[in-house]
Amino acid sequence: MQIADMNWMQVEAQARRDDRAALPIGSTEQHAQLSLCVDCILAERVAKDAAGPLGVPVFPTINYGLTPNFVAYPGTVTLRLSTLCAVLTDVLDGIARAGFRRIVIVNGHGGNAPAHGAALEWLDRHHGAQVKWHNWWNAPKTWAKVQSIDRVASHASWMENFPWTRLADAPAPAGAKPMLDLARFQSIDPAAKRRLLGDGNYGGLYQRPDDDMLAIWDVAVAETRDVIADGWS
C-alpha cells in the first residue's frame, strides 16, 4: 500500500482503521558503478515489501540526505543537517496530521543518523505519537546475514549491489578492492576524499551471486516487517 496510489479520502479512512505508517529516507550520492540513488531505492523497496502484507501505507521517500563526504563526485546532492532535520520533521507533521500516530522511519543511509535526534525532539512536541528509526541494512538480523556471507562489506561494495541497484551499462569490476583507511578518509576534505577513494567503493568485492543478495533481502524484509508490526506500546 503506497500513498502514491491513494487519494485523501482513502488515507483518512486508513488512518482511522490503523494508525501505522512507514516513511523511507535515503540519499542521492555516489555508489561507485551502482546507481546514485542506491539508498533511496533500497529504503523504499524494503519499506514497501515489508509494509505491503500488513496493509500499512508507505509515504513517498525522502530522496536527499546528509552526505558531505561525497560532494566532489558529480550527481551527489547533500542537504545541510538543519535542512534535513527540518524536512524530516515537517514530513512527520504532515503524517501525524493525517491521523497516523505510529510511524516507522526506514532509513537507508548511515549519514542520516544525526536526524534521528530531530525525530526524538519531534516526539516531545507530539505526545502520544510513536516513532521508530530503523536502519534496515544494519539491523541485527540483516547485518548478521551479511556477515555470514562475507565479513568484508562496505559502502558501494557487493552488499549494496542488488539486481535493482546495478546499472546495465556499468558492470561491476571483477575481484575485490582493499579496504579504505577510514580514519584518514574522515580527516580530509571532499576533493582529497575522492582522490583517496577513487571509484567510490570503500572495500571488498564489487558483486556477489544474486542468490546471496536475495537471501539477505528476505531477512531484511522480514526484519523490517517485524519492526512495523510489533513492539508498539
Protein backbone atom coordinates (compact mmCIF):
# COMPACT_ATOMS: atom_id res chain seq x y z
CA MET A 1 0.00 0.00 0.00
CA GLN A 2 1.52 3.29 -1.14
CA ILE A 3 0.35 6.82 -0.54
CA ALA A 4 1.03 7.47 -4.23
CA ASP A 5 -1.78 5.04 -5.05
CA MET A 6 -4.31 6.57 -2.63
CA ASN A 7 -6.46 9.68 -2.50
CA TRP A 8 -7.06 11.80 0.58
CA MET A 9 -10.34 10.10 1.43
CA GLN A 10 -8.69 6.69 1.39
CA VAL A 11 -5.87 7.98 3.58
CA GLU A 12 -8.36 9.39 6.07
CA ALA A 13 -10.21 6.09 6.25
CA GLN A 14 -6.98 4.10 6.54
CA ALA A 15 -5.70 6.18 9.46
CA ARG A 16 -8.98 5.56 11.29
CA ARG A 17 -8.55 1.80 10.81
CA ASP A 18 -4.84 1.59 11.54
CA ASP A 19 -2.59 4.45 12.65
CA ARG A 20 0.70 2.88 11.50
CA ALA A 21 2.68 4.30 8.56
CA ALA A 22 6.16 3.97 7.08
CA LEU A 23 8.44 6.72 5.78
CA PRO A 24 11.55 5.74 3.79
CA ILE A 25 14.51 8.10 3.76
CA GLY A 26 17.62 7.77 1.62
CA SER A 27 20.32 9.80 -0.07
CA THR A 28 21.48 10.74 -3.55
CA GLU A 29 25.21 10.06 -3.58
CA GLN A 30 27.96 8.17 -5.37
CA HIS A 31 27.95 4.39 -5.10
CA ALA A 32 30.82 3.56 -7.48
CA GLN A 33 29.34 1.74 -10.52
CA LEU A 34 25.91 1.46 -8.89
CA SER A 35 23.03 3.93 -9.12
CA LEU A 36 23.43 7.28 -7.40
CA CYS A 37 20.08 6.52 -5.78
CA VAL A 38 21.01 3.20 -4.14
CA ASP A 39 19.99 4.40 -0.68
CA CYS A 40 16.63 5.69 -1.90
CA ILE A 41 15.90 2.60 -3.99
CA LEU A 42 16.66 0.18 -1.16
CA ALA A 43 14.91 2.12 1.61
CA GLU A 44 11.76 2.49 -0.49
CA ARG A 45 11.73 -1.10 -1.68
CA VAL A 46 12.33 -2.69 1.70
CA ALA A 47 9.63 -0.47 3.22
CA LYS A 48 7.10 -1.41 0.51
CA ASP A 49 7.94 -5.12 0.60
CA ALA A 50 7.70 -5.14 4.39
CA ALA A 51 4.59 -3.00 4.82
CA GLY A 52 2.54 -4.37 1.92
CA PRO A 53 1.28 -7.60 3.55
CA LEU A 54 0.41 -5.61 6.69
CA GLY A 55 -1.75 -3.12 4.80
CA VAL A 56 0.37 -0.28 6.19
CA PRO A 57 0.82 2.73 3.87
CA VAL A 58 4.27 3.85 2.78
CA PHE A 59 4.77 7.57 2.25
CA PRO A 60 6.96 8.84 -0.63
CA THR A 61 10.67 8.56 0.03
CA ILE A 62 12.78 11.50 1.17
CA ASN A 63 15.42 11.19 -1.55
CA TYR A 64 18.08 13.58 -0.23
CA GLY A 65 20.10 13.21 2.94
CA LEU A 66 23.32 14.25 4.66
CA THR A 67 26.33 13.24 2.55
CA PRO A 68 29.08 15.90 2.70
CA ASN A 69 31.84 13.32 2.20
CA PHE A 70 30.92 12.75 -1.45
CA VAL A 71 30.19 16.22 -2.81
CA ALA A 72 33.24 16.06 -5.10
CA TYR A 73 31.51 13.26 -7.02
CA PRO A 74 29.12 14.58 -9.71
CA GLY A 75 25.49 13.74 -9.03
CA THR A 76 25.85 13.70 -5.26
CA VAL A 77 23.45 16.08 -3.53
CA THR A 78 23.70 16.80 0.18
CA LEU A 79 21.38 18.72 2.46
CA ARG A 80 22.57 20.77 5.39
CA LEU A 81 21.90 18.96 8.65
CA SER A 82 19.49 21.71 9.66
CA THR A 83 17.65 21.33 6.34
CA LEU A 84 17.41 17.55 6.64
CA CYS A 85 16.05 17.82 10.18
CA ALA A 86 13.54 20.48 9.10
CA VAL A 87 12.37 18.42 6.12
CA LEU A 88 12.03 15.27 8.22
CA THR A 89 10.07 16.95 10.97
CA ASP A 90 7.84 18.80 8.51
CA VAL A 91 7.01 15.49 6.85
CA LEU A 92 6.33 13.90 10.24
CA ASP A 93 3.99 16.81 11.00
CA GLY A 94 2.01 16.06 7.85
CA ILE A 95 1.85 12.32 8.52
CA ALA A 96 0.63 12.96 12.05
CA ARG A 97 -1.98 15.48 10.88
CA ALA A 98 -3.39 12.74 8.65
CA GLY A 99 -4.03 10.66 11.76
CA PHE A 100 -1.02 8.31 11.79
CA ARG A 101 0.41 8.04 15.29
CA ARG A 102 2.82 5.11 14.89
CA ILE A 103 5.46 5.88 12.30
CA VAL A 104 8.48 3.84 11.21
CA ILE A 105 11.26 5.80 9.52
CA VAL A 106 13.02 3.27 7.28
CA ASN A 107 16.47 4.77 6.84
CA GLY A 108 18.74 3.68 4.00
CA HIS A 109 21.75 5.95 4.57
CA GLY A 110 24.14 5.94 7.51
CA GLY A 111 24.89 9.63 7.11
CA ASN A 112 21.32 10.46 8.07
CA ALA A 113 21.88 9.24 11.63
CA PRO A 114 22.02 12.76 13.17
CA ALA A 115 18.44 13.35 12.01
CA HIS A 116 17.30 10.67 14.44
CA GLY A 117 17.78 13.29 17.14
CA ALA A 118 15.32 15.57 15.34
CA ALA A 119 12.75 12.77 15.38
CA LEU A 120 13.24 12.40 19.13
CA GLU A 121 12.74 16.15 19.59
CA TRP A 122 9.62 15.91 17.43
CA LEU A 123 8.16 13.34 19.82
CA ASP A 124 8.47 15.83 22.67
CA ARG A 125 6.06 18.08 20.77
CA HIS A 126 3.68 15.28 19.81
CA HIS A 127 2.70 13.49 22.97
CA GLY A 128 1.08 10.14 22.30
CA ALA A 129 2.82 9.64 18.95
CA GLN A 130 5.46 6.96 18.47
CA VAL A 131 8.36 6.93 16.01
CA LYS A 132 10.83 4.12 15.31
CA TRP A 133 14.07 4.79 13.45
CA HIS A 134 15.05 1.64 11.54
CA ASN A 135 18.42 1.37 9.75
CA TRP A 136 17.34 -1.56 7.62
CA TRP A 137 20.80 -2.62 6.36
CA ASN A 138 22.49 -2.95 9.76
CA ALA A 139 19.55 -4.08 11.84
CA PRO A 140 20.68 -7.09 13.89
CA LYS A 141 19.33 -9.97 11.82
CA THR A 142 20.11 -8.37 8.47
CA TRP A 143 23.66 -7.45 9.44
CA ALA A 144 24.23 -10.95 10.84
CA LYS A 145 23.14 -12.37 7.47
CA VAL A 146 25.51 -10.03 5.62
CA GLN A 147 28.38 -11.06 7.87
CA SER A 148 27.59 -14.75 7.46
CA ILE A 149 28.06 -14.37 3.70
CA ASP A 150 31.09 -12.07 3.63
CA ARG A 151 32.57 -10.14 6.54
CA VAL A 152 34.17 -7.58 4.21
CA ALA A 153 31.13 -5.47 3.35
CA SER A 154 31.13 -1.72 2.92
CA HIS A 155 29.76 1.32 1.11
CA ALA A 156 29.28 0.70 -2.63
CA SER A 157 30.60 -2.85 -2.36
CA TRP A 158 28.80 -6.11 -3.02
CA MET A 159 26.41 -5.60 -0.09
CA GLU A 160 24.65 -2.78 -1.97
CA ASN A 161 24.80 -4.48 -5.37
CA PHE A 162 21.26 -5.82 -5.78
CA PRO A 163 19.60 -6.50 -9.14
CA TRP A 164 17.62 -3.29 -8.66
CA THR A 165 20.59 -1.03 -7.82
CA ARG A 166 23.01 -2.01 -10.56
CA LEU A 167 23.15 -0.37 -13.99
CA ALA A 168 23.09 -2.40 -17.19
CA ASP A 169 25.65 -0.15 -18.90
CA ALA A 170 28.07 -0.03 -15.94
CA PRO A 171 29.07 -3.59 -15.00
CA ALA A 172 30.81 -4.14 -11.69
CA PRO A 173 34.57 -4.77 -11.84
CA ALA A 174 35.79 -8.26 -11.12
CA GLY A 175 37.51 -9.03 -7.84
CA ALA A 176 37.77 -7.09 -4.63
CA LYS A 177 39.15 -3.73 -3.53
CA PRO A 178 41.38 -3.20 -0.45
CA MET A 179 39.58 -1.65 2.48
CA LEU A 180 39.74 2.11 2.87
CA ASP A 181 41.71 3.73 5.70
CA LEU A 182 38.57 5.21 7.24
CA ALA A 183 40.36 7.32 9.88
CA ARG A 184 42.40 9.08 7.19
CA PHE A 185 39.33 9.44 4.96
CA GLN A 186 37.33 11.19 7.65
CA SER A 187 40.05 13.76 8.30
CA ILE A 188 40.42 15.22 4.80
CA ASP A 189 38.35 17.49 2.54
CA PRO A 190 35.93 16.18 -0.12
CA ALA A 191 38.32 16.61 -3.07
CA ALA A 192 41.04 14.73 -1.21
CA LYS A 193 38.47 12.10 -0.25
CA ARG A 194 37.71 11.48 -3.91
CA ARG A 195 41.42 11.15 -4.74
CA LEU A 196 41.89 8.66 -1.91
CA LEU A 197 38.74 6.65 -2.54
CA GLY A 198 38.77 6.52 -6.34
CA ASP A 199 35.68 4.89 -7.79
CA GLY A 200 33.72 5.07 -4.52
CA ASN A 201 33.80 1.50 -3.16
CA TYR A 202 35.15 1.51 0.41
CA GLY A 203 36.48 -2.03 0.03
CA GLY A 204 35.61 -5.65 -0.62
CA LEU A 205 34.09 -7.49 -3.55
CA TYR A 206 32.09 -5.49 -6.04
CA GLN A 207 29.47 -8.16 -6.61
CA ARG A 208 28.29 -11.49 -5.23
CA PRO A 209 25.83 -14.02 -6.68
CA ASP A 210 22.20 -12.94 -6.75
CA ASP A 211 21.27 -15.91 -4.56
CA ASP A 212 23.33 -14.33 -1.78
CA MET A 213 21.70 -10.95 -2.28
CA LEU A 214 18.17 -12.31 -2.34
CA ALA A 215 18.85 -14.27 0.84
CA ILE A 216 19.88 -11.02 2.54
CA TRP A 217 16.83 -9.27 1.13
CA ASP A 218 14.45 -11.87 2.54
CA VAL A 219 15.91 -11.36 6.01
CA ALA A 220 15.81 -7.57 5.68
CA VAL A 221 12.17 -7.53 4.59
CA ALA A 222 11.10 -9.86 7.38
CA GLU A 223 13.01 -7.86 9.99
CA THR A 224 11.58 -4.56 8.75
CA ARG A 225 8.09 -6.06 8.76
CA ASP A 226 8.52 -7.08 12.38
CA VAL A 227 9.52 -3.51 13.27
CA ILE A 228 6.40 -2.12 11.58
CA ALA A 229 4.08 -4.76 13.01
CA ASP A 230 5.22 -5.19 16.58
CA GLY A 231 6.80 -3.52 19.58
CA TRP A 232 4.43 -0.59 19.93
CA SER A 233 3.49 0.41 23.46
